[in-house]
Amino acid sequence: MSEEGAAAFFLAWQTYRFAAAGSLSLVLLGCAMRGGPLIASQPALTLGDASVSFCLGIVLYSEWPRHGLWLLPAFLGLALLCYGVFALSRTRCLTECVNLAADEARHEEQPASAALHRGRDD
């Protein structure tokens, strides 16, 4: 077996595991986007990206986080990231935009006969 070049790339198990993980991530991204409005799926995508990157570093690259006092700023950063993601996803501006889009979608879904009937009553 060759130690270099394209043959080594295509014969390595890591290549196929990485391709499978990438394919699964695209499927999960599609499910998240269809699950609801962006305001609902964005926090999970933002936090999930960092979590998956951390896990891939440990599993695929055999990296380990530092121990001791280095964990304190790491956990502080994680807490700030979680707080920021969820705080921004619940701002009034985003909530109003989602409610406006939902109202417009409801009006588009009404049948034409209901719209005509409503027009006569007004």
Protein backbone atom coordinates (compact mmCIF):
# COMPACT_ATOMS: atom_id res chain seq x y z
CA MET A 1 0.00 0.00 0.00
CA SER A 2 1.30 3.45 -0.92
CA GLU A 3 2.17 5.84 1.92
CA GLU A 4 1.71 8.98 -0.18
CA GLY A 5 -0.49 10.50 -2.81
CA ALA A 6 -4.03 9.89 -3.98
CA ALA A 7 -3.90 6.14 -3.34
CA ALA A 8 -3.20 6.69 0.36
CA PHE A 9 -5.98 9.25 0.52
CA PHE A 10 -8.57 6.91 -0.99
CA LEU A 11 -7.40 3.89 0.99
CA ALA A 12 -7.54 5.60 4.40
CA TRP A 13 -10.57 4.94 6.57
CA GLN A 14 -10.55 8.55 7.79
CA THR A 15 -11.51 9.80 4.34
CA TYR A 16 -14.73 7.82 4.32
CA ARG A 17 -15.60 8.59 7.94
CA PHE A 18 -15.16 12.29 7.23
CA ALA A 19 -17.37 12.02 4.11
CA ALA A 20 -20.05 10.20 6.11
CA ALA A 21 -19.93 12.80 8.89
CA GLY A 22 -20.22 15.61 6.33
CA SER A 23 -23.19 13.96 4.63
CA LEU A 24 -24.94 13.41 7.95
CA SER A 25 -24.35 17.03 8.92
CA LEU A 26 -26.00 18.23 5.70
CA VAL A 27 -29.03 16.02 6.37
CA LEU A 28 -29.29 17.34 9.92
CA LEU A 29 -28.93 20.93 8.68
CA GLY A 30 -31.79 20.37 6.24
CA CYS A 31 -33.96 18.96 9.02
CA ALA A 32 -33.18 21.92 11.24
CA MET A 33 -34.06 24.41 8.52
CA ARG A 34 -37.38 22.67 7.78
CA GLY A 35 -38.19 22.39 11.48
CA GLY A 36 -39.30 25.96 11.85
CA PRO A 37 -38.27 29.55 11.41
CA LEU A 38 -34.61 30.52 11.46
CA ILE A 39 -35.03 32.09 14.88
CA ALA A 40 -35.83 28.62 16.26
CA SER A 41 -33.06 26.69 14.51
CA GLN A 42 -30.18 29.18 14.61
CA PRO A 43 -29.26 28.74 18.31
CA ALA A 44 -29.01 24.98 17.87
CA LEU A 45 -26.93 25.39 14.72
CA THR A 46 -24.56 27.86 16.36
CA LEU A 47 -24.02 25.80 19.49
CA GLY A 48 -24.01 22.53 17.56
CA ASP A 49 -21.23 23.73 15.27
CA ALA A 50 -18.92 24.47 18.19
CA SER A 51 -19.83 21.22 19.96
CA VAL A 52 -19.29 19.06 16.89
CA SER A 53 -15.96 20.77 16.16
CA PHE A 54 -14.83 20.06 19.71
CA CYS A 55 -15.87 16.40 19.46
CA LEU A 56 -14.22 15.97 16.05
CA GLY A 57 -10.99 17.36 17.46
CA ILE A 58 -11.04 14.77 20.23
CA VAL A 59 -12.20 11.78 18.17
CA LEU A 60 -10.48 12.30 14.82
CA TYR A 61 -7.36 14.22 15.80
CA SER A 62 -6.79 12.81 19.31
CA GLU A 63 -6.64 16.28 20.84
CA TRP A 64 -7.50 16.87 24.48
CA PRO A 65 -8.41 20.12 26.20
CA ARG A 66 -5.99 21.54 28.75
CA HIS A 67 -6.64 20.76 32.40
CA GLY A 68 -6.38 22.83 35.52
CA LEU A 69 -6.95 26.56 35.50
CA TRP A 70 -7.27 26.55 31.70
CA LEU A 71 -10.75 25.07 32.11
CA LEU A 72 -12.05 28.17 33.92
CA PRO A 73 -11.81 30.56 30.92
CA ALA A 74 -13.01 27.77 28.62
CA PHE A 75 -16.19 27.24 30.64
CA LEU A 76 -16.66 30.99 31.00
CA GLY A 77 -16.42 31.35 27.21
CA LEU A 78 -18.90 28.50 26.73
CA ALA A 79 -21.34 30.11 29.17
CA LEU A 80 -21.05 33.48 27.40
CA LEU A 81 -21.55 31.83 24.01
CA CYS A 82 -24.69 30.04 25.19
CA TYR A 83 -26.06 33.19 26.82
CA GLY A 84 -25.36 35.31 23.74
CA VAL A 85 -26.93 32.86 21.32
CA PHE A 86 -30.13 32.50 23.29
CA ALA A 87 -30.36 36.19 24.19
CA LEU A 88 -29.98 37.28 20.58
CA SER A 89 -32.49 34.71 19.38
CA ARG A 90 -35.13 36.19 21.67
CA THR A 91 -34.76 39.87 20.80
CA ARG A 92 -37.93 41.82 20.14
CA CYS A 93 -36.90 42.69 16.58
CA LEU A 94 -36.49 39.04 15.58
CA THR A 95 -39.73 38.05 17.30
CA GLU A 96 -41.64 40.76 15.43
CA CYS A 97 -40.09 39.69 12.13
CA VAL A 98 -41.11 36.06 12.70
CA ASN A 99 -44.66 37.04 13.69
CA LEU A 100 -44.94 39.25 10.60
CA ALA A 101 -43.75 36.43 8.34
CA ALA A 102 -46.20 33.99 9.98
CA ASP A 103 -49.10 36.42 9.44
CA GLU A 104 -48.16 36.83 5.77
CA ALA A 105 -47.94 33.05 5.33
CA ARG A 106 -51.39 32.58 6.86
CA HIS A 107 -52.89 35.13 4.48
CA GLU A 108 -51.32 33.39 1.48
CA GLU A 109 -52.69 29.98 2.55
CA GLN A 110 -56.33 31.12 2.64
CA PRO A 111 -58.38 29.93 -0.32
CA ALA A 112 -59.50 32.47 -2.89
CA SER A 113 -63.19 31.90 -2.11
CA ALA A 114 -62.62 32.87 1.54
CA ALA A 115 -60.90 36.06 0.44
CA LEU A 116 -63.81 36.93 -1.89
CA HIS A 117 -66.36 36.19 0.80
CA ARG A 118 -64.45 38.36 3.24
CA GLY A 119 -64.40 41.18 0.68
CA ARG A 120 -68.22 41.19 0.42
CA ASP A 121 -68.69 41.43 4.17
CA ASP A 122 -66.34 44.41 4.54
